[in-house]
Every structure is written in C-alpha cells, then in structure tokens.
C-alpha cells in the first residue's frame, strides 16, 4: 500500500491484491493475525488514518471567481469595448446638453451589459465542465459499516482506513477498494468504473492470472475477489479487507487523471481567437483612420473625434460571436438527429467533427 509523500503527490504502487491469499493481504497491510475476527482496534485505526489520510479524493485547485472573470475579459475585443465605455462615461460626465448626456450613459450601459452577459455565459459553461470532477467525488459513500474492537459499528466514509474489515449489504455504496474475505451471493454493479452493465458475481478465491498476463494486466472486471470504491452492492452481502482508500482507489486514480487534464482550446475556439486577432487589427486601423478624418478633415473637436473613432470600432466588434457559434452548434445537432445520431451536449458536435477513426 502506497503512502502519501510529503509534497502531497500520490504515488500508486499497489500489490496484486487479487492474486494474494487472505493471510498474505493481512500480512502486507501489517495487521494483527486476528483481524478477520475482531477487526482493527480504535487506536490502530486512528494511527492508520494519520498515516494514510482520510478516505476522500484530493480536490484540484479551483479558480476564484475573479480569475474566471479575468479569463473571459482578457482579450483585445473586450479591451476595445472597455475603452469605448470609458470614453462614453467621460463624455456623460462633462457634457452639458441633456440629450448627449443621456445618449452617452445609455451607450456606456449597453456596452457593459454586453460584456457582463458574455462573461456570465463563459463562466456558466466553464462551471458545467467542472461538475464532471465533482460528480466523481459525490460517488463516494458517506458512511460505512466496519468491524472494530470486535464490534460492528458505523463510521463516516472518510474514516475508513486500509486494514478495516468492511461489511457489505444489499444497496450499500462500497466505501473503498476491498479484497473480499466472505461472500453470500454477493454481486456488485461496477458500471461506473468498468462500463459493465451486468452486476459481477463475487468470490473469495485467490485468482491466478491468465497465461501471458501479469497480475497488473488482469482487467478490473475479472478481479472477482475484489470490490471497488463508488460501486454498488447489487445483491447479497459480504465482507472485505480495505486495501486502498481515497486517491489510491481505482476511482481515485480516475479522479487524479481528470484533475490533471490540461485545458486545451478546441479547433473552433482556436479559429475564433485567430478571427478575433485579425478583426482587432482591422478595427484598430479603421478606427484610427476614422479618427484622423474626423479631426483633420471634418475639423471635429478632439474628444468628439475620439468618440467617433471608437463608435466605429464598437460597430465592427461582433459581440454576438459566441451566440452565433451556439446557433451553429444547435443546427449541427438537429442535422445529426435527422441521421439518427443523438447529441446530448452541443460542443460534442465539434469533437465529432474532428474524429478520424472510430474503433
């Protein structure tokens, strides 16, 4: 059983529990020989909790709301809009004619509203993506029935430690990875982990790897003397020795991989960024030309010339670009539906468009 390093990194170095006898499992976990009869002592459980850590998945660093807002507004087109909004606010303060004051403040409000709406949509979509990792954490059991000091008791799921004797009954959510030591018609639904829709019948026999495979290469679904965290007891009952908790479970490994996935921009988002940069250059050049014409050819005052140039810039900024992309996604989903392909999430259409081989 691997421990957590001082720097918080998780090192997964699990023995082949499914190929070990009950006695070997107990010895490997450094548990007393009478573990199966009396379980861990309270003091031993406390020491192991200190050694292995709580039975929960480590959460990745979450962005603050200010970091999320900055990611949404940190681009050239939004910067241009903010400059225009600032000029409109200044004109609204210094203008004396009531009509000009009202029109400038209205323009200021509209621009800020557009930025706020686009920012909200972006943050909302990002929040939906983060729910995938949170869903994994919600799959862990909140409580567990264990054998300690010779008595069965309920403990919080976070307090289950390697070496605990965990008691399973019909409908229980399995709190950690277990090496089974006793079963009575036990079967667990492991669809969340392996994708297998049919419950797996469990045994306590030591497994021998098939010819040509090492113990680590035996598929999880074939390790019938094991039960895994976040799966469900579909029938029967049983007992098992906790051999891995928290980040060291199989579902914890998946969570670690999900948390470490680098955020990459999709092809469409990269194209939108490229278009935005080209538009920004074109808008800036055009606005400067408009300003120069207004100031030196039409003879407009400096502030009026600046506003004319910036209003020209606002008129050319495609504030509805995100909305247009969403409409195109929706059209693509409808188009796929006519060909008997049901798309549950709009951005998935773009991913499908990038697929070259389906195995």
Protein backbone atom coordinates (compact mmCIF):
# COMPACT_ATOMS: atom_id res chain seq x y z
CA UNK A 1 0.00 0.00 0.00
CA UNK A 2 1.46 3.33 -1.06
CA UNK A 3 1.61 6.31 1.26
CA UNK A 4 1.23 10.00 0.52
CA UNK A 5 4.50 11.81 0.07
CA UNK A 6 5.29 14.99 1.98
CA UNK A 7 4.72 17.17 -1.08
CA UNK A 8 1.16 15.87 -1.45
CA UNK A 9 1.88 13.83 -4.58
CA UNK A 10 0.12 10.48 -4.75
CA UNK A 11 2.30 7.51 -5.64
CA UNK A 12 0.30 4.45 -6.66
CA UNK A 13 2.26 1.27 -6.03
CA UNK A 14 -0.33 -1.37 -5.19
CA UNK A 15 0.48 -5.06 -4.68
CA UNK A 16 -1.57 -7.57 -6.73
CA UNK A 17 -4.22 -7.95 -4.04
CA UNK A 18 -6.44 -10.18 -6.22
CA UNK A 19 -3.61 -12.71 -6.57
CA UNK A 20 -2.89 -12.83 -2.83
CA UNK A 21 -4.45 -15.04 -0.17
CA UNK A 22 -6.29 -13.52 2.80
CA UNK A 23 -3.29 -14.22 5.04
CA UNK A 24 -0.92 -12.52 2.59
CA UNK A 25 -3.20 -9.48 2.41
CA UNK A 26 -3.30 -9.19 6.20
CA UNK A 27 0.48 -9.53 6.44
CA UNK A 28 1.08 -6.99 3.65
CA UNK A 29 -1.15 -4.46 5.41
CA UNK A 30 0.73 -5.06 8.70
CA UNK A 31 -2.47 -6.02 10.50
CA UNK A 32 -2.88 -8.38 13.51
CA UNK A 33 -3.43 -12.07 12.75
CA UNK A 34 -6.92 -11.99 14.34
CA UNK A 35 -8.05 -9.14 12.07
CA UNK A 36 -10.86 -11.13 10.43
CA UNK A 37 -12.42 -11.98 13.83
CA UNK A 38 -12.08 -8.65 15.70
CA UNK A 39 -11.08 -6.04 13.12
CA UNK A 40 -8.79 -3.13 13.90
CA UNK A 41 -8.54 -1.58 17.31
CA UNK A 42 -9.65 2.04 17.69
CA UNK A 43 -6.09 3.16 18.38
CA UNK A 44 -4.75 1.30 15.32
CA UNK A 45 -7.50 2.82 13.14
CA UNK A 46 -6.56 6.31 14.37
CA UNK A 47 -2.88 5.70 13.63
CA UNK A 48 -3.69 4.41 10.15
CA UNK A 49 -5.92 7.40 9.46
CA UNK A 50 -2.96 9.62 10.32
CA UNK A 51 -0.66 7.54 8.09
CA UNK A 52 -2.85 7.11 5.01
CA UNK A 53 -5.05 10.19 5.25
CA UNK A 54 -8.84 10.44 5.07
CA UNK A 55 -10.80 8.33 2.62
CA UNK A 56 -11.61 11.12 0.20
CA UNK A 57 -10.33 12.35 -3.13
CA UNK A 58 -7.95 15.27 -3.28
CA UNK A 59 -9.56 18.28 -4.89
CA UNK A 60 -7.66 20.16 -7.53
CA UNK A 61 -7.04 23.87 -7.17
CA UNK A 62 -10.18 25.74 -8.12
CA UNK A 63 -10.15 29.10 -9.82
CA UNK A 64 -11.52 32.05 -7.91
CA UNK A 65 -14.42 33.99 -9.40
CA UNK A 66 -12.01 36.84 -10.20
CA UNK A 67 -9.70 34.50 -12.13
CA UNK A 68 -12.67 33.21 -14.11
CA UNK A 69 -13.84 36.75 -14.90
CA UNK A 70 -10.32 37.75 -15.99
CA UNK A 71 -10.11 34.78 -18.37
CA UNK A 72 -13.34 35.88 -20.01
CA UNK A 73 -12.45 39.58 -20.45
CA UNK A 74 -8.71 39.30 -21.20
CA UNK A 75 -8.88 39.74 -24.96
CA UNK A 76 -8.42 42.58 -27.43
CA UNK A 77 -12.06 42.97 -28.47
CA UNK A 78 -13.26 43.34 -24.89
CA UNK A 79 -10.44 45.84 -24.26
CA UNK A 80 -11.71 47.96 -27.16
CA UNK A 81 -15.23 47.84 -25.76
CA UNK A 82 -13.97 48.92 -22.33
CA UNK A 83 -12.11 51.87 -23.84
CA UNK A 84 -15.28 52.95 -25.64
CA UNK A 85 -17.28 52.55 -22.42
CA UNK A 86 -14.72 54.70 -20.55
CA UNK A 87 -14.91 57.46 -23.18
CA UNK A 88 -18.73 57.36 -23.10
CA UNK A 89 -18.66 57.69 -19.32
CA UNK A 90 -16.28 60.68 -19.50
CA UNK A 91 -18.48 62.37 -22.10
CA UNK A 92 -21.56 61.64 -20.00
CA UNK A 93 -19.91 63.46 -17.08
CA UNK A 94 -18.59 66.52 -18.92
CA UNK A 95 -21.41 67.07 -21.46
CA UNK A 96 -23.85 69.89 -20.74
CA UNK A 97 -26.66 69.06 -23.17
CA UNK A 98 -29.12 66.64 -21.60
CA UNK A 99 -29.59 64.63 -24.84
CA UNK A 100 -25.85 64.00 -25.17
CA UNK A 101 -25.58 63.08 -21.50
CA UNK A 102 -28.39 60.53 -21.78
CA UNK A 103 -27.10 59.01 -25.03
CA UNK A 104 -23.57 58.62 -23.64
CA UNK A 105 -24.76 56.94 -20.44
CA UNK A 106 -27.06 54.65 -22.45
CA UNK A 107 -24.11 53.66 -24.64
CA UNK A 108 -22.00 53.08 -21.53
CA UNK A 109 -24.69 50.85 -20.01
CA UNK A 110 -25.23 48.84 -23.20
CA UNK A 111 -21.51 48.12 -23.62
CA UNK A 112 -21.10 47.00 -20.00
CA UNK A 113 -24.23 44.84 -20.32
CA UNK A 114 -22.83 43.09 -23.40
CA UNK A 115 -19.53 42.39 -21.62
CA UNK A 116 -21.33 41.19 -18.47
CA UNK A 117 -23.65 38.83 -20.40
CA UNK A 118 -20.81 37.29 -22.42
CA UNK A 119 -18.73 36.89 -19.26
CA UNK A 120 -21.61 35.20 -17.43
CA UNK A 121 -22.20 32.77 -20.31
CA UNK A 122 -18.50 31.86 -20.40
CA UNK A 123 -18.30 31.28 -16.63
CA UNK A 124 -21.52 29.24 -16.69
CA UNK A 125 -20.20 26.95 -19.41
CA UNK A 126 -16.90 26.50 -17.55
CA UNK A 127 -18.84 25.64 -14.40
CA UNK A 128 -20.63 22.84 -16.23
CA UNK A 129 -17.26 21.36 -17.19
CA UNK A 130 -16.08 21.40 -13.56
CA UNK A 131 -19.13 19.40 -12.49
CA UNK A 132 -17.62 16.29 -14.12
CA UNK A 133 -14.88 16.05 -11.47
CA UNK A 134 -17.31 16.96 -8.67
CA UNK A 135 -19.60 14.14 -9.81
CA UNK A 136 -16.80 11.65 -9.13
CA UNK A 137 -16.44 12.88 -5.55
CA UNK A 138 -20.19 12.58 -4.92
CA UNK A 139 -19.98 8.88 -5.80
CA UNK A 140 -18.09 8.08 -2.59
CA UNK A 141 -20.00 6.56 0.31
CA UNK A 142 -20.87 8.89 3.20
CA UNK A 143 -20.93 6.11 5.83
CA UNK A 144 -19.56 2.59 6.20
CA UNK A 145 -20.18 -0.40 8.47
CA UNK A 146 -16.88 -1.75 9.82
CA UNK A 147 -15.64 -4.23 12.42
CA UNK A 148 -13.57 -2.55 15.15
CA UNK A 149 -12.63 -3.77 18.61
CA UNK A 150 -14.66 -6.91 17.89
CA UNK A 151 -17.89 -4.95 17.29
CA UNK A 152 -19.73 -3.81 14.19
CA UNK A 153 -20.13 -0.04 14.04
CA UNK A 154 -20.97 2.73 11.59
CA UNK A 155 -18.21 5.22 10.82
CA UNK A 156 -18.02 8.17 8.41
CA UNK A 157 -16.78 7.08 4.99
CA UNK A 158 -13.79 9.42 5.36
CA UNK A 159 -12.59 7.47 8.42
CA UNK A 160 -12.28 4.09 6.72
CA UNK A 161 -8.61 3.06 6.61
CA UNK A 162 -6.60 0.29 4.92
CA UNK A 163 -6.92 -2.80 7.11
CA UNK A 164 -10.54 -2.16 8.15
CA UNK A 165 -12.97 -5.04 7.86
CA UNK A 166 -15.87 -3.55 5.87
CA UNK A 167 -19.30 -5.20 5.99
CA UNK A 168 -21.43 -5.01 2.84
CA UNK A 169 -25.18 -5.42 2.43
CA UNK A 170 -27.64 -5.06 -0.42
CA UNK A 171 -27.81 -1.49 -1.74
CA UNK A 172 -24.63 -0.30 0.01
CA UNK A 173 -22.26 2.04 -1.78
CA UNK A 174 -18.82 0.48 -1.38
CA UNK A 175 -16.64 2.99 0.55
CA UNK A 176 -13.17 1.87 -0.63
CA UNK A 177 -11.33 -0.82 -2.58
CA UNK A 178 -11.75 -4.20 -0.87
CA UNK A 179 -10.23 -7.69 -1.00
CA UNK A 180 -13.19 -9.90 -0.24
CA UNK A 181 -12.88 -12.44 2.58
CA UNK A 182 -16.51 -13.60 2.80
CA UNK A 183 -19.46 -13.50 0.41
CA UNK A 184 -23.07 -14.65 0.41
CA UNK A 185 -24.48 -14.48 -3.13
CA UNK A 186 -22.65 -11.14 -3.47
CA UNK A 187 -22.65 -9.20 -6.74
CA UNK A 188 -21.69 -5.58 -7.36
CA UNK A 189 -22.63 -3.19 -10.12
CA UNK A 190 -19.38 -1.79 -11.48
CA UNK A 191 -20.72 0.16 -14.47
CA UNK A 192 -19.36 3.44 -13.06
CA UNK A 193 -15.83 2.00 -13.10
CA UNK A 194 -15.65 -0.63 -15.85
CA UNK A 195 -18.68 0.13 -18.00
CA UNK A 196 -20.00 -3.40 -17.44
CA UNK A 197 -23.80 -3.10 -17.20
CA UNK A 198 -24.39 -6.52 -15.62
CA UNK A 199 -23.56 -6.98 -11.89
CA UNK A 200 -20.40 -9.03 -11.29
CA UNK A 201 -20.71 -12.13 -9.07
CA UNK A 202 -18.03 -12.11 -6.40
CA UNK A 203 -15.91 -14.86 -4.82
CA UNK A 204 -13.16 -15.01 -2.21
CA UNK A 205 -10.82 -17.35 -4.09
CA UNK A 206 -7.28 -16.28 -4.90
CA UNK A 207 -7.03 -15.55 -8.62
CA UNK A 208 -4.35 -16.82 -10.96
CA UNK A 209 -3.54 -14.51 -13.90
CA UNK A 210 -4.36 -15.97 -17.33
CA UNK A 211 -1.41 -17.27 -19.33
CA UNK A 212 0.66 -14.46 -20.78
CA UNK A 213 -0.70 -11.79 -18.40
CA UNK A 214 0.90 -10.30 -15.33
CA UNK A 215 -1.29 -9.71 -12.23
CA UNK A 216 -1.48 -5.98 -13.04
CA UNK A 217 -2.80 -6.74 -16.54
CA UNK A 218 -5.87 -8.63 -15.30
CA UNK A 219 -8.90 -6.42 -16.14
CA UNK A 220 -10.76 -4.94 -13.17
CA UNK A 221 -13.96 -6.71 -14.21
CA UNK A 222 -12.20 -10.09 -13.96
CA UNK A 223 -10.91 -9.49 -10.44
CA UNK A 224 -13.89 -11.21 -8.88
CA UNK A 225 -12.45 -11.32 -5.38
CA UNK A 226 -12.31 -7.51 -5.28
CA UNK A 227 -14.87 -4.74 -4.78
CA UNK A 228 -14.18 -1.14 -5.70
CA UNK A 229 -14.95 2.25 -4.25
CA UNK A 230 -18.00 4.09 -5.67
CA UNK A 231 -19.61 0.86 -6.95
CA UNK A 232 -22.85 -0.62 -5.55
CA UNK A 233 -23.84 -3.90 -3.94
CA UNK A 234 -26.46 -5.23 -6.37
CA UNK A 235 -27.30 -8.42 -4.44
CA UNK A 236 -26.24 -10.47 -1.45
CA UNK A 237 -23.82 -9.49 1.29
CA UNK A 238 -20.17 -9.90 2.16
CA UNK A 239 -17.08 -8.75 4.00
CA UNK A 240 -13.80 -7.42 2.77
CA UNK A 241 -10.48 -6.00 3.92
CA UNK A 242 -9.96 -2.37 2.91
CA UNK A 243 -6.80 -2.33 0.80
CA UNK A 244 -6.95 1.20 -0.67
CA UNK A 245 -8.71 4.44 0.24
CA UNK A 246 -9.07 7.93 -1.16
CA UNK A 247 -6.71 8.79 -4.01
CA UNK A 248 -5.27 5.26 -4.03
CA UNK A 249 -8.53 3.60 -5.08
CA UNK A 250 -9.28 2.84 -8.72
CA UNK A 251 -11.87 5.63 -8.86
CA UNK A 252 -9.31 7.89 -7.15
CA UNK A 253 -6.88 7.19 -9.99
CA UNK A 254 -9.54 8.31 -12.48
CA UNK A 255 -10.15 11.45 -10.42
CA UNK A 256 -6.40 12.23 -10.42
CA UNK A 257 -6.27 11.87 -14.20
CA UNK A 258 -9.34 14.10 -14.64
CA UNK A 259 -7.83 16.75 -12.34
CA UNK A 260 -4.53 16.80 -14.25
CA UNK A 261 -6.03 17.16 -17.72
CA UNK A 262 -4.65 20.29 -19.31
CA UNK A 263 -7.26 22.66 -20.61
CA UNK A 264 -6.81 22.93 -24.36
CA UNK A 265 -8.73 25.06 -26.77
CA UNK A 266 -10.77 23.21 -29.36
CA UNK A 267 -10.32 23.81 -33.07
CA UNK A 268 -13.32 26.14 -33.22
CA UNK A 269 -12.12 28.21 -30.25
CA UNK A 270 -8.66 28.50 -31.82
CA UNK A 271 -10.25 29.70 -35.06
CA UNK A 272 -12.38 32.20 -33.12
CA UNK A 273 -9.21 33.51 -31.44
CA UNK A 274 -7.50 33.89 -34.82
CA UNK A 275 -10.52 35.68 -36.28
CA UNK A 276 -10.66 37.94 -33.21
CA UNK A 277 -7.00 38.94 -33.64
CA UNK A 278 -7.49 39.70 -37.34
CA UNK A 279 -10.65 41.68 -36.54
CA UNK A 280 -8.87 43.57 -33.77
CA UNK A 281 -6.07 44.69 -36.13
CA UNK A 282 -8.59 45.70 -38.80
CA UNK A 283 -10.81 47.53 -36.27
CA UNK A 284 -7.89 49.46 -34.75
CA UNK A 285 -6.59 50.56 -38.16
CA UNK A 286 -10.07 51.59 -39.32
CA UNK A 287 -10.80 53.45 -36.09
CA UNK A 288 -7.52 55.39 -36.32
CA UNK A 289 -8.32 56.34 -39.91
CA UNK A 290 -11.82 57.43 -38.85
CA UNK A 291 -10.40 59.50 -36.01
CA UNK A 292 -7.89 61.22 -38.30
CA UNK A 293 -10.59 62.01 -40.86
CA UNK A 294 -12.93 63.39 -38.19
CA UNK A 295 -10.23 65.51 -36.57
CA UNK A 296 -8.21 66.85 -39.50
CA UNK A 297 -10.61 66.69 -42.47
CA UNK A 298 -14.01 67.33 -40.83
CA UNK A 299 -12.47 69.59 -38.14
CA UNK A 300 -14.27 67.91 -35.19
CA UNK A 301 -13.07 68.56 -31.60
CA UNK A 302 -10.57 66.12 -30.15
CA UNK A 303 -12.99 64.35 -27.81
CA UNK A 304 -15.68 64.10 -30.48
CA UNK A 305 -13.14 62.70 -32.94
CA UNK A 306 -12.03 60.09 -30.42
CA UNK A 307 -15.62 59.05 -29.76
CA UNK A 308 -16.41 58.84 -33.48
CA UNK A 309 -13.43 56.55 -34.00
CA UNK A 310 -14.38 54.38 -31.03
CA UNK A 311 -18.05 54.20 -32.00
CA UNK A 312 -16.87 52.98 -35.40
CA UNK A 313 -14.85 50.30 -33.56
CA UNK A 314 -17.86 49.22 -31.48
CA UNK A 315 -19.98 48.92 -34.62
CA UNK A 316 -17.46 46.47 -36.10
CA UNK A 317 -16.97 44.27 -32.99
CA UNK A 318 -19.01 41.04 -33.31
CA UNK A 319 -20.40 40.92 -29.76
CA UNK A 320 -22.71 38.10 -30.81
CA UNK A 321 -19.90 35.81 -31.98
CA UNK A 322 -20.45 33.34 -29.11
CA UNK A 323 -24.20 33.33 -29.77
CA UNK A 324 -23.59 32.64 -33.45
CA UNK A 325 -21.34 29.68 -32.59
CA UNK A 326 -24.07 28.30 -30.29
CA UNK A 327 -26.67 28.63 -33.07
CA UNK A 328 -24.36 26.77 -35.46
CA UNK A 329 -23.88 24.02 -32.85
CA UNK A 330 -27.67 23.74 -32.45
CA UNK A 331 -28.13 23.48 -36.21
CA UNK A 332 -25.46 20.75 -36.34
CA UNK A 333 -27.23 18.80 -33.56
CA UNK A 334 -30.52 18.99 -35.48
CA UNK A 335 -28.74 17.87 -38.63
CA UNK A 336 -27.19 14.88 -36.83
CA UNK A 337 -30.58 13.98 -35.33
CA UNK A 338 -32.05 13.58 -38.82
CA UNK A 339 -29.37 10.92 -39.37
CA UNK A 340 -30.29 9.05 -36.15
CA UNK A 341 -27.34 10.39 -34.14
CA UNK A 342 -28.46 11.95 -30.86
CA UNK A 343 -26.06 14.54 -29.38
CA UNK A 344 -26.56 15.29 -25.69
CA UNK A 345 -24.16 18.26 -25.42
CA UNK A 346 -23.77 20.95 -28.07
CA UNK A 347 -19.92 21.21 -28.01
CA UNK A 348 -19.73 17.45 -28.63
CA UNK A 349 -20.64 18.17 -32.26
CA UNK A 350 -17.33 19.93 -32.73
CA UNK A 351 -15.44 16.99 -31.21
CA UNK A 352 -17.23 14.57 -33.52
CA UNK A 353 -16.23 16.78 -36.43
CA UNK A 354 -12.58 16.22 -35.52
CA UNK A 355 -12.85 12.42 -35.30
CA UNK A 356 -10.89 10.50 -37.92
CA UNK A 357 -11.20 6.90 -36.68
CA UNK A 358 -13.88 5.21 -34.57
CA UNK A 359 -12.82 1.87 -33.07
